[in-house]
Protein backbone atom coordinates (compact mmCIF):
# COMPACT_ATOMS: atom_id res chain seq x y z
CA UNK A 1 30.85 7.80 -41.14
CA UNK A 2 31.26 6.84 -44.79
CA UNK A 3 28.59 4.66 -46.37
CA UNK A 4 29.97 1.23 -47.39
CA UNK A 5 29.42 1.03 -51.17
CA UNK A 6 29.80 -2.28 -52.95
CA UNK A 7 30.18 -2.62 -56.71
CA UNK A 8 29.66 -5.84 -58.64
CA UNK A 9 28.34 -6.91 -62.06
CA UNK A 10 24.75 -5.92 -61.12
CA UNK A 11 25.79 -2.31 -60.29
CA UNK A 12 26.58 -0.15 -57.27
CA UNK A 13 24.70 -0.67 -54.01
CA UNK A 14 24.90 0.01 -50.28
CA UNK A 15 25.81 -3.18 -48.45
CA UNK A 16 23.57 -4.70 -45.81
CA UNK A 17 24.29 -3.27 -42.34
CA UNK A 18 23.34 -4.31 -38.86
CA UNK A 19 21.14 -2.06 -36.70
CA UNK A 20 21.91 -1.41 -33.02
CA UNK A 21 19.08 -3.77 -32.01
CA UNK A 22 20.72 -6.62 -33.95
CA UNK A 23 18.45 -6.75 -37.01
CA UNK A 24 19.83 -6.34 -40.54
CA UNK A 25 19.05 -3.68 -43.16
CA UNK A 26 18.58 -4.84 -46.75
CA UNK A 27 21.20 -3.86 -49.33
CA UNK A 28 19.98 -0.90 -51.47
CA UNK A 29 20.68 -0.15 -55.10
CA UNK A 30 22.23 3.24 -55.76
CA UNK A 31 22.31 5.24 -59.02
CA UNK A 32 25.49 6.80 -60.34
CA UNK A 33 26.24 10.11 -58.49
CA UNK A 34 24.07 9.32 -55.45
CA UNK A 35 25.08 11.08 -52.22
CA UNK A 36 23.43 9.81 -49.01
CA UNK A 37 21.52 12.31 -46.87
CA UNK A 38 24.05 12.10 -44.02
CA UNK A 39 26.89 13.09 -46.37
CA UNK A 40 25.15 16.06 -48.05
CA UNK A 41 26.93 19.21 -46.80
CA UNK A 42 24.78 21.66 -44.82
CA UNK A 43 24.28 25.01 -46.55
CA UNK A 44 26.05 27.93 -44.89
CA UNK A 45 25.68 31.51 -46.08
CA UNK A 46 28.73 33.75 -46.49
CA UNK A 47 28.33 35.38 -43.07
CA UNK A 48 28.29 32.04 -41.24
CA UNK A 49 31.37 30.93 -43.18
CA UNK A 50 33.13 34.21 -42.36
CA UNK A 51 32.52 33.92 -38.62
CA UNK A 52 33.51 30.23 -38.56
CA UNK A 53 36.82 31.03 -40.26
CA UNK A 54 37.40 34.26 -38.30
CA UNK A 55 40.50 34.02 -36.08
CA UNK A 56 39.99 34.39 -32.34
CA UNK A 57 42.94 36.74 -31.96
CA UNK A 58 43.62 40.13 -33.52
CA UNK A 59 45.94 40.13 -36.55
CA UNK A 60 49.62 40.00 -35.58
CA UNK A 61 49.06 38.56 -32.08
CA UNK A 62 50.30 35.04 -31.54
CA UNK A 63 48.62 32.55 -29.22
CA UNK A 64 51.65 32.48 -26.90
CA UNK A 65 51.47 36.29 -26.46
CA UNK A 66 47.74 36.18 -25.72
CA UNK A 67 48.01 33.53 -22.97
CA UNK A 68 49.61 35.75 -20.25
CA UNK A 69 47.05 38.51 -20.88
CA UNK A 70 44.17 36.06 -20.37
CA UNK A 71 45.65 34.78 -17.12
CA UNK A 72 46.14 38.32 -15.84
CA UNK A 73 42.55 39.24 -16.73
CA UNK A 74 41.17 36.18 -14.89
CA UNK A 75 43.35 36.98 -11.87
CA UNK A 76 42.01 40.57 -11.75
CA UNK A 77 38.38 39.42 -11.77
CA UNK A 78 38.92 36.88 -9.01
CA UNK A 79 40.50 39.53 -6.72
CA UNK A 80 37.27 41.55 -6.78
CA UNK A 81 38.89 44.32 -8.84
CA UNK A 82 36.27 46.13 -10.91
CA UNK A 83 38.70 47.10 -13.71
CA UNK A 84 37.03 45.06 -16.46
CA UNK A 85 33.42 45.83 -15.50
CA UNK A 86 30.94 48.21 -17.11
CA UNK A 87 29.59 51.27 -15.30
CA UNK A 88 26.35 49.54 -14.35
CA UNK A 89 28.19 46.47 -13.05
CA UNK A 90 30.43 48.69 -10.90
CA UNK A 91 27.36 50.53 -9.60
CA UNK A 92 25.67 47.23 -8.73
CA UNK A 93 28.78 46.07 -6.85
CA UNK A 94 28.78 49.30 -4.81
CA UNK A 95 25.08 48.82 -3.99
CA UNK A 96 25.70 45.25 -2.82
CA UNK A 97 28.57 46.38 -0.58
CA UNK A 98 26.39 49.16 0.86
CA UNK A 99 23.58 46.68 1.61
CA UNK A 100 26.03 44.35 3.35
CA UNK A 101 27.28 47.23 5.51
CA UNK A 102 23.72 48.26 6.40
CA UNK A 103 22.85 44.64 7.23
CA UNK A 104 25.87 44.40 9.53
CA UNK A 105 24.94 47.68 11.24
CA UNK A 106 21.37 46.43 11.84
CA UNK A 107 22.67 43.19 13.34
CA UNK A 108 24.92 45.16 15.70
CA UNK A 109 22.15 47.42 17.05
CA UNK A 110 18.86 45.49 17.71
CA UNK A 111 17.38 48.37 19.80
CA UNK A 112 17.29 50.58 16.73
CA UNK A 113 15.36 47.91 14.85
CA UNK A 114 12.59 47.93 17.49
CA UNK A 115 12.17 51.70 17.25
CA UNK A 116 12.16 51.46 13.47
CA UNK A 117 9.42 48.82 13.61
CA UNK A 118 7.32 51.08 15.89
CA UNK A 119 7.73 53.98 13.47
CA UNK A 120 6.61 51.83 10.54
CA UNK A 121 3.57 50.66 12.55
CA UNK A 122 2.55 54.26 13.33
CA UNK A 123 2.90 55.29 9.70
CA UNK A 124 0.74 52.39 8.50
CA UNK A 125 -1.99 53.26 11.01
CA UNK A 126 -2.13 56.89 9.92
CA UNK A 127 -2.09 55.85 6.28
CA UNK A 128 -5.03 53.50 6.82
CA UNK A 129 -6.98 56.30 8.50
CA UNK A 130 -6.47 58.53 5.47
CA UNK A 131 -7.52 55.73 3.18
CA UNK A 132 -10.74 55.29 5.14
CA UNK A 133 -11.50 59.01 4.79
CA UNK A 134 -10.73 58.93 1.07
CA UNK A 135 -12.92 55.88 0.52
CA UNK A 136 -15.93 57.51 2.23
CA UNK A 137 -15.53 60.68 0.13
CA UNK A 138 -15.24 58.48 -2.97
CA UNK A 139 -18.45 56.71 -2.05
CA UNK A 140 -20.24 60.04 -1.63
CA UNK A 141 -18.92 61.23 -4.99
CA UNK A 142 -20.20 58.04 -6.63
CA UNK A 143 -23.63 58.44 -5.04
CA UNK A 144 -23.83 62.07 -6.20
CA UNK A 145 -22.84 61.02 -9.72
CA UNK A 146 -25.51 58.28 -9.77
CA UNK A 147 -28.19 60.67 -8.49
CA UNK A 148 -27.34 63.22 -11.17
CA UNK A 149 -27.51 60.51 -13.81
CA UNK A 150 -30.96 59.38 -12.61
CA UNK A 151 -32.20 62.99 -12.56
CA UNK A 152 -30.89 63.49 -16.11
CA UNK A 153 -32.84 60.40 -17.24
CA UNK A 154 -36.00 61.69 -15.51
CA UNK A 155 -35.61 65.12 -17.19
CA UNK A 156 -35.13 63.51 -20.61
CA UNK A 157 -38.21 61.35 -20.08
CA UNK A 158 -40.22 64.43 -19.04
CA UNK A 159 -39.09 66.31 -22.17
CA UNK A 160 -40.14 63.40 -24.39
CA UNK A 161 -43.58 63.33 -22.72
CA UNK A 162 -43.98 67.12 -23.06
CA UNK A 163 -42.96 67.10 -26.73
CA UNK A 164 -45.40 64.30 -27.50
CA UNK A 165 -42.70 61.85 -28.54
CA UNK A 166 -43.98 59.36 -25.94
CA UNK A 167 -47.77 59.14 -25.79
CA UNK A 168 -48.33 56.09 -23.61
CA UNK A 169 -46.10 55.74 -20.50
CA UNK A 170 -45.23 52.37 -19.04
CA UNK A 171 -45.53 51.60 -15.32
CA UNK A 172 -41.73 51.85 -14.97
CA UNK A 173 -41.64 55.28 -16.64
CA UNK A 174 -44.43 56.56 -14.38
CA UNK A 175 -42.50 55.39 -11.28
CA UNK A 176 -39.37 57.11 -12.57
CA UNK A 177 -41.22 60.43 -12.99
CA UNK A 178 -42.76 60.08 -9.49
CA UNK A 179 -39.28 59.61 -7.94
CA UNK A 180 -37.93 62.90 -9.35
CA UNK A 181 -38.69 65.01 -6.26
CA UNK A 182 -37.17 62.51 -3.78
CA UNK A 183 -34.06 62.21 -5.98
CA UNK A 184 -33.58 65.99 -5.98
CA UNK A 185 -33.93 66.12 -2.18
CA UNK A 186 -31.40 63.31 -1.65
CA UNK A 187 -28.95 64.97 -4.04
CA UNK A 188 -29.17 68.26 -2.12
CA UNK A 189 -28.49 66.45 1.18
CA UNK A 190 -25.46 64.63 -0.23
CA UNK A 191 -24.04 67.83 -1.72
CA UNK A 192 -24.38 69.57 1.67
CA UNK A 193 -22.52 66.76 3.46
CA UNK A 194 -19.60 66.70 1.04
């Protein structure tokens, strides 16, 4: 939309215009060479200009020659022909067809589905049994690791006392040293069981 300029003896100005809500805009004075914001062309770099002006068809091919080829290509895709598809798209189509066939086979033979469900149930039960065994051995391994850590701390504390690094023991440190024998016994029992 071009801006309505008016020129008179006072100079050039934009005439008063009515807004969509019915109110009027005031006329505005304009200096020589003024271009309104709406009419300033948007900057486009050379690549954008190139792709805007790039023809859609290869050189030498007319639009009338290209029309039958497009129709033929659309017809081929609608028939389910995989001629214009990539390798992965063809592979996906084959997988979908295979799934449909398997689904149809399952619908035809419901007795097989029942036996399959029983087999899955048996597998899950045996798997849960193994998991239970693994979790108990994991718990034992954790307990052994904790016992060894506590014994290491007791040995370090004993070394510090023997070297004279710690002269006055706290109540907590005394209890820790007293527990050393029971910790060693428990560790031996756990190692025997595992």
